[in-house]
Amino acid sequence: FVKCLPDNLNAELVLGSISTVKEACTWLGYTYLFVRMMRNPLAYGLTWQDLERDPRLDGHRKKLVAEAARQLDHARTMRFDEKSGNLYPTEQGR
């Protein structure tokens, strides 16, 4: 799912489910990926200490969303305003 995160993020953006990084992080918290990261953080490049410091993986989710948004922005399928955290769909991404 991590490899497909940019595609899934773009789909949610086009559907109107998300429009900011904060909303995307909340959405990611409802996915099976989040459940799997919580149960087996080692498989996703995290340590048990990371989970102790950030029990809800908020920082890691934000990092994943920002990386995916940058990829999509580079591909011009969405616009990502890093200062405001806003995400904007483009015609190419629809």
PDB file of N, CA and C in Angstrom:
ATOM      1  N   PHE A   1       0.825  -1.194   0.000  1.00  0.00           N
ATOM      2  CA  PHE A   1       0.000   0.000   0.000  1.00  0.00           C
ATOM      3  C   PHE A   1       0.867   1.254   0.000  1.00  0.00           C
ATOM      4  N   VAL A   2       2.039   1.199   0.614  1.00  0.00           N
ATOM      5  CA  VAL A   2       2.894   2.382   0.658  1.00  0.00           C
ATOM      6  C   VAL A   2       3.315   2.774  -0.753  1.00  0.00           C
ATOM      7  N   LYS A   3       3.620   1.781  -1.601  1.00  0.00           N
ATOM      8  CA  LYS A   3       3.992   2.075  -2.989  1.00  0.00           C
ATOM      9  C   LYS A   3       2.842   2.720  -3.745  1.00  0.00           C
ATOM     10  N   CYS A   4       1.627   2.343  -3.406  1.00  0.00           N
ATOM     11  CA  CYS A   4       0.438   2.852  -4.095  1.00  0.00           C
ATOM     12  C   CYS A   4      -0.161   4.072  -3.408  1.00  0.00           C
ATOM     13  N   LEU A   5       0.465   4.540  -2.337  1.00  0.00           N
ATOM     14  CA  LEU A   5      -0.091   5.668  -1.596  1.00  0.00           C
ATOM     15  C   LEU A   5      -0.320   6.898  -2.465  1.00  0.00           C
ATOM     16  N   PRO A   6       0.608   7.273  -3.358  1.00  0.00           N
ATOM     17  CA  PRO A   6       0.321   8.434  -4.203  1.00  0.00           C
ATOM     18  C   PRO A   6      -0.945   8.268  -5.047  1.00  0.00           C
ATOM     19  N   ASP A   7      -1.160   7.084  -5.610  1.00  0.00           N
ATOM     20  CA  ASP A   7      -2.368   6.841  -6.404  1.00  0.00           C
ATOM     21  C   ASP A   7      -3.620   6.942  -5.543  1.00  0.00           C
ATOM     22  N   ASN A   8      -3.564   6.347  -4.357  1.00  0.00           N
ATOM     23  CA  ASN A   8      -4.723   6.392  -3.464  1.00  0.00           C
ATOM     24  C   ASN A   8      -4.987   7.807  -2.960  1.00  0.00           C
ATOM     25  N   LEU A   9      -3.919   8.528  -2.683  1.00  0.00           N
ATOM     26  CA  LEU A   9      -4.057   9.917  -2.244  1.00  0.00           C
ATOM     27  C   LEU A   9      -4.697  10.761  -3.338  1.00  0.00           C
ATOM     28  N   ASN A  10      -4.250  10.572  -4.565  1.00  0.00           N
ATOM     29  CA  ASN A  10      -4.821  11.317  -5.685  1.00  0.00           C
ATOM     30  C   ASN A  10      -6.308  10.990  -5.860  1.00  0.00           C
ATOM     31  N   ALA A  11      -6.656   9.718  -5.733  1.00  0.00           N
ATOM     32  CA  ALA A  11      -8.059   9.318  -5.865  1.00  0.00           C
ATOM     33  C   ALA A  11      -8.928   9.988  -4.805  1.00  0.00           C
ATOM     34  N   GLU A  12      -8.445  10.021  -3.569  1.00  0.00           N
ATOM     35  CA  GLU A  12      -9.208  10.667  -2.494  1.00  0.00           C
ATOM     36  C   GLU A  12      -9.331  12.166  -2.723  1.00  0.00           C
ATOM     37  N   LEU A  13      -8.284  12.773  -3.268  1.00  0.00           N
ATOM     38  CA  LEU A  13      -8.322  14.203  -3.562  1.00  0.00           C
ATOM     39  C   LEU A  13      -9.345  14.512  -4.648  1.00  0.00           C
ATOM     40  N   VAL A  14      -9.333  13.728  -5.710  1.00  0.00           N
ATOM     41  CA  VAL A  14     -10.265  13.939  -6.817  1.00  0.00           C
ATOM     42  C   VAL A  14     -11.710  13.709  -6.361  1.00  0.00           C
ATOM     43  N   LEU A  15     -11.915  12.750  -5.474  1.00  0.00           N
ATOM     44  CA  LEU A  15     -13.259  12.497  -4.944  1.00  0.00           C
ATOM     45  C   LEU A  15     -13.735  13.613  -4.017  1.00  0.00           C
ATOM     46  N   GLY A  16     -12.797  14.409  -3.520  1.00  0.00           N
ATOM     47  CA  GLY A  16     -13.156  15.476  -2.602  1.00  0.00           C
ATOM     48  C   GLY A  16     -13.128  15.057  -1.143  1.00  0.00           C
ATOM     49  N   SER A  17     -12.637  13.862  -0.865  1.00  0.00           N
ATOM     50  CA  SER A  17     -12.566  13.372   0.519  1.00  0.00           C
ATOM     51  C   SER A  17     -11.524  14.112   1.333  1.00  0.00           C
ATOM     52  N   ILE A  18     -10.473  14.560   0.669  1.00  0.00           N
ATOM     53  CA  ILE A  18      -9.400  15.281   1.343  1.00  0.00           C
ATOM     54  C   ILE A  18      -9.038  16.527   0.540  1.00  0.00           C
ATOM     55  N   SER A  19      -8.507  17.526   1.235  1.00  0.00           N
ATOM     56  CA  SER A  19      -8.026  18.718   0.528  1.00  0.00           C
ATOM     57  C   SER A  19      -6.813  19.339   1.219  1.00  0.00           C
ATOM     58  N   THR A  20      -6.405  18.747   2.343  1.00  0.00           N
ATOM     59  CA  THR A  20      -5.229  19.232   3.057  1.00  0.00           C
ATOM     60  C   THR A  20      -4.411  18.044   3.552  1.00  0.00           C
ATOM     61  N   VAL A  21      -3.178  18.317   3.926  1.00  0.00           N
ATOM     62  CA  VAL A  21      -2.323  17.266   4.487  1.00  0.00           C
ATOM     63  C   VAL A  21      -2.934  16.743   5.780  1.00  0.00           C
ATOM     64  N   LYS A  22      -3.493  17.625   6.580  1.00  0.00           N
ATOM     65  CA  LYS A  22      -4.103  17.203   7.843  1.00  0.00           C
ATOM     66  C   LYS A  22      -5.254  16.223   7.597  1.00  0.00           C
ATOM     67  N   GLU A  23      -6.115  16.543   6.627  1.00  0.00           N
ATOM     68  CA  GLU A  23      -7.221  15.633   6.298  1.00  0.00           C
ATOM     69  C   GLU A  23      -6.695  14.315   5.735  1.00  0.00           C
ATOM     70  N   ALA A  24      -5.621  14.388   4.961  1.00  0.00           N
ATOM     71  CA  ALA A  24      -5.028  13.177   4.385  1.00  0.00           C
ATOM     72  C   ALA A  24      -4.449  12.291   5.487  1.00  0.00           C
ATOM     73  N   CYS A  25      -3.856  12.901   6.500  1.00  0.00           N
ATOM     74  CA  CYS A  25      -3.321  12.120   7.616  1.00  0.00           C
ATOM     75  C   CYS A  25      -4.447  11.435   8.388  1.00  0.00           C
ATOM     76  N   THR A  26      -5.552  12.144   8.552  1.00  0.00           N
ATOM     77  CA  THR A  26      -6.716  11.543   9.211  1.00  0.00           C
ATOM     78  C   THR A  26      -7.243  10.384   8.386  1.00  0.00           C
ATOM     79  N   TRP A  27      -7.369  10.587   7.065  1.00  0.00           N
ATOM     80  CA  TRP A  27      -7.823   9.525   6.173  1.00  0.00           C
ATOM     81  C   TRP A  27      -6.893   8.316   6.268  1.00  0.00           C
ATOM     82  N   LEU A  28      -5.590   8.556   6.272  1.00  0.00           N
ATOM     83  CA  LEU A  28      -4.632   7.453   6.341  1.00  0.00           C
ATOM     84  C   LEU A  28      -4.802   6.660   7.631  1.00  0.00           C
ATOM     85  N   GLY A  29      -5.244   7.326   8.693  1.00  0.00           N
ATOM     86  CA  GLY A  29      -5.486   6.645   9.961  1.00  0.00           C
ATOM     87  C   GLY A  29      -6.641   5.662   9.925  1.00  0.00           C
ATOM     88  N   TYR A  30      -7.476   5.729   8.892  1.00  0.00           N
ATOM     89  CA  TYR A  30      -8.601   4.798   8.743  1.00  0.00           C
ATOM     90  C   TYR A  30      -8.277   3.630   7.819  1.00  0.00           C
ATOM     91  N   THR A  31      -7.063   3.573   7.320  1.00  0.00           N
ATOM     92  CA  THR A  31      -6.705   2.536   6.360  1.00  0.00           C
ATOM     93  C   THR A  31      -6.113   1.315   7.049  1.00  0.00           C
ATOM     94  N   TYR A  32      -6.115   0.222   6.305  1.00  0.00           N
ATOM     95  CA  TYR A  32      -5.506  -1.005   6.807  1.00  0.00           C
ATOM     96  C   TYR A  32      -3.998  -0.830   6.954  1.00  0.00           C
ATOM     97  N   LEU A  33      -3.402   0.021   6.129  1.00  0.00           N
ATOM     98  CA  LEU A  33      -1.973   0.305   6.254  1.00  0.00           C
ATOM     99  C   LEU A  33      -1.652   0.796   7.658  1.00  0.00           C
ATOM    100  N   PHE A  34      -2.462   1.684   8.181  1.00  0.00           N
ATOM    101  CA  PHE A  34      -2.238   2.223   9.527  1.00  0.00           C
ATOM    102  C   PHE A  34      -2.302   1.104  10.556  1.00  0.00           C
ATOM    103  N   VAL A  35      -3.288   0.234  10.439  1.00  0.00           N
ATOM    104  CA  VAL A  35      -3.425  -0.891  11.373  1.00  0.00           C
ATOM    105  C   VAL A  35      -2.173  -1.757  11.310  1.00  0.00           C
ATOM    106  N   ARG A  36      -1.706  -2.022  10.105  1.00  0.00           N
ATOM    107  CA  ARG A  36      -0.511  -2.855   9.939  1.00  0.00           C
ATOM    108  C   ARG A  36       0.735  -2.160  10.481  1.00  0.00           C
ATOM    109  N   MET A  37       0.856  -0.852  10.281  1.00  0.00           N
ATOM    110  CA  MET A  37       2.013  -0.120  10.823  1.00  0.00           C
ATOM    111  C   MET A  37       2.007  -0.148  12.349  1.00  0.00           C
ATOM    112  N   MET A  38       0.832  -0.077  12.943  1.00  0.00           N
ATOM    113  CA  MET A  38       0.737  -0.105  14.403  1.00  0.00           C
ATOM    114  C   MET A  38       1.110  -1.477  14.963  1.00  0.00           C
ATOM    115  N   ARG A  39       0.715  -2.524  14.258  1.00  0.00           N
ATOM    116  CA  ARG A  39       0.973  -3.874  14.747  1.00  0.00           C
ATOM    117  C   ARG A  39       2.383  -4.364  14.462  1.00  0.00           C
ATOM    118  N   ASN A  40       2.955  -3.914  13.341  1.00  0.00           N
ATOM    119  CA  ASN A  40       4.284  -4.377  12.961  1.00  0.00           C
ATOM    120  C   ASN A  40       5.102  -3.222  12.389  1.00  0.00           C
ATOM    121  N   PRO A  41       5.508  -2.293  13.240  1.00  0.00           N
ATOM    122  CA  PRO A  41       6.217  -1.116  12.749  1.00  0.00           C
ATOM    123  C   PRO A  41       7.541  -1.452  12.059  1.00  0.00           C
ATOM    124  N   LEU A  42       8.174  -2.540  12.436  1.00  0.00           N
ATOM    125  CA  LEU A  42       9.465  -2.917  11.849  1.00  0.00           C
ATOM    126  C   LEU A  42       9.346  -3.172  10.350  1.00  0.00           C
ATOM    127  N   ALA A  43       8.224  -3.677   9.896  1.00  0.00           N
ATOM    128  CA  ALA A  43       8.019  -3.963   8.473  1.00  0.00           C
ATOM    129  C   ALA A  43       7.877  -2.688   7.647  1.00  0.00           C
ATOM    130  N   TYR A  44       7.678  -1.556   8.305  1.00  0.00           N
ATOM    131  CA  TYR A  44       7.465  -0.289   7.610  1.00  0.00           C
ATOM    132  C   TYR A  44       8.555   0.734   7.925  1.00  0.00           C
ATOM    133  N   GLY A  45       9.713   0.228   8.337  1.00  0.00           N
ATOM    134  CA  GLY A  45      10.854   1.097   8.577  1.00  0.00           C
ATOM    135  C   GLY A  45      10.801   1.865   9.881  1.00  0.00           C
ATOM    136  N   LEU A  46       9.943   1.452  10.773  1.00  0.00           N
ATOM    137  CA  LEU A  46       9.821   2.095  12.083  1.00  0.00           C
ATOM    138  C   LEU A  46      10.397   1.178  13.151  1.00  0.00           C
ATOM    139  N   THR A  47      10.661   1.730  14.306  1.00  0.00           N
ATOM    140  CA  THR A  47      11.106   0.922  15.441  1.00  0.00           C
ATOM    141  C   THR A  47      10.029   0.973  16.520  1.00  0.00           C
ATOM    142  N   TRP A  48      10.158   0.094  17.479  1.00  0.00           N
ATOM    143  CA  TRP A  48       9.211   0.118  18.594  1.00  0.00           C
ATOM    144  C   TRP A  48       9.366   1.419  19.379  1.00  0.00           C
ATOM    145  N   GLN A  49      10.582   1.970  19.379  1.00  0.00           N
ATOM    146  CA  GLN A  49      10.808   3.254  20.053  1.00  0.00           C
ATOM    147  C   GLN A  49      10.055   4.377  19.336  1.00  0.00           C
ATOM    148  N   ASP A  50      10.018   4.319  17.996  1.00  0.00           N
ATOM    149  CA  ASP A  50       9.235   5.304  17.241  1.00  0.00           C
ATOM    150  C   ASP A  50       7.772   5.253  17.667  1.00  0.00           C
ATOM    151  N   LEU A  51       7.272   4.046  17.828  1.00  0.00           N
ATOM    152  CA  LEU A  51       5.875   3.861  18.232  1.00  0.00           C
ATOM    153  C   LEU A  51       5.653   4.364  19.661  1.00  0.00           C
ATOM    154  N   GLU A  52       6.639   4.194  20.529  1.00  0.00           N
ATOM    155  CA  GLU A  52       6.514   4.702  21.903  1.00  0.00           C
ATOM    156  C   GLU A  52       6.511   6.227  21.926  1.00  0.00           C
ATOM    157  N   ARG A  53       7.378   6.853  21.102  1.00  0.00           N
ATOM    158  CA  ARG A  53       7.452   8.323  21.052  1.00  0.00           C
ATOM    159  C   ARG A  53       6.228   8.940  20.385  1.00  0.00           C
ATOM    160  N   ASP A  54       5.685   8.243  19.385  1.00  0.00           N
ATOM    161  CA  ASP A  54       4.563   8.761  18.597  1.00  0.00           C
ATOM    162  C   ASP A  54       3.511   7.652  18.483  1.00  0.00           C
ATOM    163  N   PRO A  55       2.734   7.428  19.554  1.00  0.00           N
ATOM    164  CA  PRO A  55       1.831   6.277  19.607  1.00  0.00           C
ATOM    165  C   PRO A  55       0.803   6.203  18.480  1.00  0.00           C
ATOM    166  N   ARG A  56       0.383   7.333  17.940  1.00  0.00           N
ATOM    167  CA  ARG A  56      -0.596   7.316  16.845  1.00  0.00           C
ATOM    168  C   ARG A  56       0.084   7.483  15.486  1.00  0.00           C
ATOM    169  N   LEU A  57       1.410   7.509  15.478  1.00  0.00           N
ATOM    170  CA  LEU A  57       2.209   7.646  14.257  1.00  0.00           C
ATOM    171  C   LEU A  57       1.836   8.894  13.456  1.00  0.00           C
ATOM    172  N   ASP A  58       1.460   9.950  14.146  1.00  0.00           N
ATOM    173  CA  ASP A  58       1.078  11.190  13.469  1.00  0.00           C
ATOM    174  C   ASP A  58       2.214  11.734  12.606  1.00  0.00           C
ATOM    175  N   GLY A  59       3.407  11.766  13.148  1.00  0.00           N
ATOM    176  CA  GLY A  59       4.554  12.277  12.401  1.00  0.00           C
ATOM    177  C   GLY A  59       4.877  11.426  11.190  1.00  0.00           C
ATOM    178  N   HIS A  60       4.792  10.121  11.354  1.00  0.00           N
ATOM    179  CA  HIS A  60       5.090   9.218  10.233  1.00  0.00           C
ATOM    180  C   HIS A  60       4.020   9.321   9.148  1.00  0.00           C
ATOM    181  N   ARG A  61       2.761   9.421   9.564  1.00  0.00           N
ATOM    182  CA  ARG A  61       1.693   9.586   8.577  1.00  0.00           C
ATOM    183  C   ARG A  61       1.861  10.884   7.804  1.00  0.00           C
ATOM    184  N   LYS A  62       2.228  11.952   8.501  1.00  0.00           N
ATOM    185  CA  LYS A  62       2.434  13.247   7.828  1.00  0.00           C
ATOM    186  C   LYS A  62       3.591  13.147   6.839  1.00  0.00           C
ATOM    187  N   LYS A  63       4.645  12.450   7.222  1.00  0.00           N
ATOM    188  CA  LYS A  63       5.798  12.270   6.340  1.00  0.00           C
ATOM    189  C   LYS A  63       5.397  11.484   5.084  1.00  0.00           C
ATOM    190  N   LEU A  64       4.637  10.404   5.264  1.00  0.00           N
ATOM    191  CA  LEU A  64       4.194   9.599   4.119  1.00  0.00           C
ATOM    192  C   LEU A  64       3.308  10.410   3.175  1.00  0.00           C
ATOM    193  N   VAL A  65       2.380  11.167   3.743  1.00  0.00           N
ATOM    194  CA  VAL A  65       1.468  11.982   2.926  1.00  0.00           C
ATOM    195  C   VAL A  65       2.246  13.054   2.174  1.00  0.00           C
ATOM    196  N   ALA A  66       3.174  13.720   2.855  1.00  0.00           N
ATOM    197  CA  ALA A  66       3.948  14.782   2.206  1.00  0.00           C
ATOM    198  C   ALA A  66       4.805  14.218   1.071  1.00  0.00           C
ATOM    199  N   GLU A  67       5.411  13.059   1.277  1.00  0.00           N
ATOM    200  CA  GLU A  67       6.218  12.441   0.219  1.00  0.00           C
ATOM    201  C   GLU A  67       5.353  12.086  -0.990  1.00  0.00           C
ATOM    202  N   ALA A  68       4.183  11.512  -0.731  1.00  0.00           N
ATOM    203  CA  ALA A  68       3.273  11.151  -1.822  1.00  0.00           C
ATOM    204  C   ALA A  68       2.782  12.401  -2.548  1.00  0.00           C
ATOM    205  N   ALA A  69       2.474  13.449  -1.792  1.00  0.00           N
ATOM    206  CA  ALA A  69       1.997  14.701  -2.397  1.00  0.00           C
ATOM    207  C   ALA A  69       3.086  15.339  -3.255  1.00  0.00           C
ATOM    208  N   ARG A  70       4.331  15.263  -2.802  1.00  0.00           N
ATOM    209  CA  ARG A  70       5.441  15.805  -3.607  1.00  0.00           C
ATOM    210  C   ARG A  70       5.591  15.037  -4.915  1.00  0.00           C
ATOM    211  N   GLN A  71       5.451  13.719  -4.854  1.00  0.00           N
ATOM    212  CA  GLN A  71       5.529  12.903  -6.073  1.00  0.00           C
ATOM    213  C   GLN A  71       4.427  13.302  -7.051  1.00  0.00           C
ATOM    214  N   LEU A  72       3.226  13.469  -6.541  1.00  0.00           N
ATOM    215  CA  LEU A  72       2.100  13.836  -7.395  1.00  0.00           C
ATOM    216  C   LEU A  72       2.247  15.251  -7.932  1.00  0.00           C
ATOM    217  N   ASP A  73       2.791  16.136  -7.122  1.00  0.00           N
ATOM    218  CA  ASP A  73       3.022  17.509  -7.575  1.00  0.00           C
ATOM    219  C   ASP A  73       4.069  17.511  -8.689  1.00  0.00           C
ATOM    220  N   HIS A  74       5.102  16.709  -8.527  1.00  0.00           N
ATOM    221  CA  HIS A  74       6.142  16.614  -9.554  1.00  0.00           C
ATOM    222  C   HIS A  74       5.571  16.049 -10.863  1.00  0.00           C
ATOM    223  N   ALA A  75       4.636  15.117 -10.741  1.00  0.00           N
ATOM    224  CA  ALA A  75       4.000  14.512 -11.919  1.00  0.00           C
ATOM    225  C   ALA A  75       2.874  15.391 -12.464  1.00  0.00           C
ATOM    226  N   ARG A  76       2.595  16.480 -11.769  1.00  0.00           N
ATOM    227  CA  ARG A  76       1.554  17.450 -12.142  1.00  0.00           C
ATOM    228  C   ARG A  76       0.138  16.874 -12.126  1.00  0.00           C
ATOM    229  N   THR A  77      -0.062  15.871 -11.284  1.00  0.00           N
ATOM    230  CA  THR A  77      -1.414  15.336 -11.131  1.00  0.00           C
ATOM    231  C   THR A  77      -2.152  16.009  -9.981  1.00  0.00           C
ATOM    232  N   MET A  78      -1.412  16.785  -9.202  1.00  0.00           N
ATOM    233  CA  MET A  78      -2.005  17.620  -8.163  1.00  0.00           C
ATOM    234  C   MET A  78      -1.031  18.750  -7.882  1.00  0.00           C
ATOM    235  N   ARG A  79      -1.505  19.779  -7.225  1.00  0.00           N
ATOM    236  CA  ARG A  79      -0.649  20.865  -6.758  1.00  0.00           C
ATOM    237  C   ARG A  79      -0.580  20.754  -5.243  1.00  0.00           C
ATOM    238  N   PHE A  80       0.614  20.860  -4.709  1.00  0.00           N
ATOM    239  CA  PHE A  80       0.839  20.738  -3.273  1.00  0.00           C
ATOM    240  C   PHE A  80       1.502  22.011  -2.778  1.00  0.00           C
ATOM    241  N   ASP A  81       0.778  22.756  -1.952  1.00  0.00           N
ATOM    242  CA  ASP A  81       1.315  23.962  -1.329  1.00  0.00           C
ATOM    243  C   ASP A  81       1.875  23.551   0.035  1.00  0.00           C
ATOM    244  N   GLU A  82       3.191  23.410   0.108  1.00  0.00           N
ATOM    245  CA  GLU A  82       3.812  22.906   1.336  1.00  0.00           C
ATOM    246  C   GLU A  82       3.656  23.854   2.517  1.00  0.00           C
ATOM    247  N   LYS A  83       3.591  25.152   2.262  1.00  0.00           N
ATOM    248  CA  LYS A  83       3.453  26.112   3.368  1.00  0.00           C
ATOM    249  C   LYS A  83       2.098  25.994   4.046  1.00  0.00           C
ATOM    250  N   SER A  84       1.033  25.933   3.250  1.00  0.00           N
ATOM    251  CA  SER A  84      -0.310  25.867   3.828  1.00  0.00           C
ATOM    252  C   SER A  84      -0.778  24.428   4.052  1.00  0.00           C
ATOM    253  N   GLY A  85      -0.161  23.479   3.345  1.00  0.00           N
ATOM    254  CA  GLY A  85      -0.585  22.086   3.446  1.00  0.00           C
ATOM    255  C   GLY A  85      -1.783  21.762   2.571  1.00  0.00           C
ATOM    256  N   ASN A  86      -2.173  22.688   1.707  1.00  0.00           N
ATOM    257  CA  ASN A  86      -3.328  22.461   0.837  1.00  0.00           C
ATOM    258  C   ASN A  86      -2.953  21.604  -0.367  1.00  0.00           C
ATOM    259  N   LEU A  87      -3.915  20.805  -0.790  1.00  0.00           N
ATOM    260  CA  LEU A  87      -3.765  19.939  -1.958  1.00  0.00           C
ATOM    261  C   LEU A  87      -4.827  20.333  -2.971  1.00  0.00           C
ATOM    262  N   TYR A  88      -4.418  20.470  -4.217  1.00  0.00           N
ATOM    263  CA  TYR A  88      -5.349  20.892  -5.271  1.00  0.00           C
ATOM    264  C   TYR A  88      -5.296  19.896  -6.421  1.00  0.00           C
ATOM    265  N   PRO A  89      -6.440  19.356  -6.834  1.00  0.00           N
ATOM    266  CA  PRO A  89      -6.433  18.444  -7.978  1.00  0.00           C
ATOM    267  C   PRO A  89      -6.194  19.206  -9.279  1.00  0.00           C
ATOM    268  N   THR A  90      -5.647  18.527 -10.268  1.00  0.00           N
ATOM    269  CA  THR A  90      -5.458  19.107 -11.593  1.00  0.00           C
ATOM    270  C   THR A  90      -6.220  18.248 -12.597  1.00  0.00           C
ATOM    271  N   GLU A  91      -6.412  18.781 -13.787  1.00  0.00           N
ATOM    272  CA  GLU A  91      -7.103  18.016 -14.832  1.00  0.00           C
ATOM    273  C   GLU A  91      -6.333  16.748 -15.166  1.00  0.00           C
ATOM    274  N   GLN A  92      -5.014  16.838 -15.165  1.00  0.00           N
ATOM    275  CA  GLN A  92      -4.194  15.665 -15.472  1.00  0.00           C
ATOM    276  C   GLN A  92      -4.383  14.551 -14.448  1.00  0.00           C
ATOM    277  N   GLY A  93      -4.684  14.923 -13.216  1.00  0.00           N
ATOM    278  CA  GLY A  93      -4.865  13.928 -12.163  1.00  0.00           C
ATOM    279  C   GLY A  93      -6.249  13.345 -12.085  1.00  0.00           C
ATOM    280  N   ARG A  94      -7.173  13.885 -12.828  1.00  0.00           N
ATOM    281  CA  ARG A  94      -8.563  13.399 -12.765  1.00  0.00           C
ATOM    282  C   ARG A  94      -8.759  12.143 -13.556  1.00  0.00           C
TER     283      ARG A  94
END
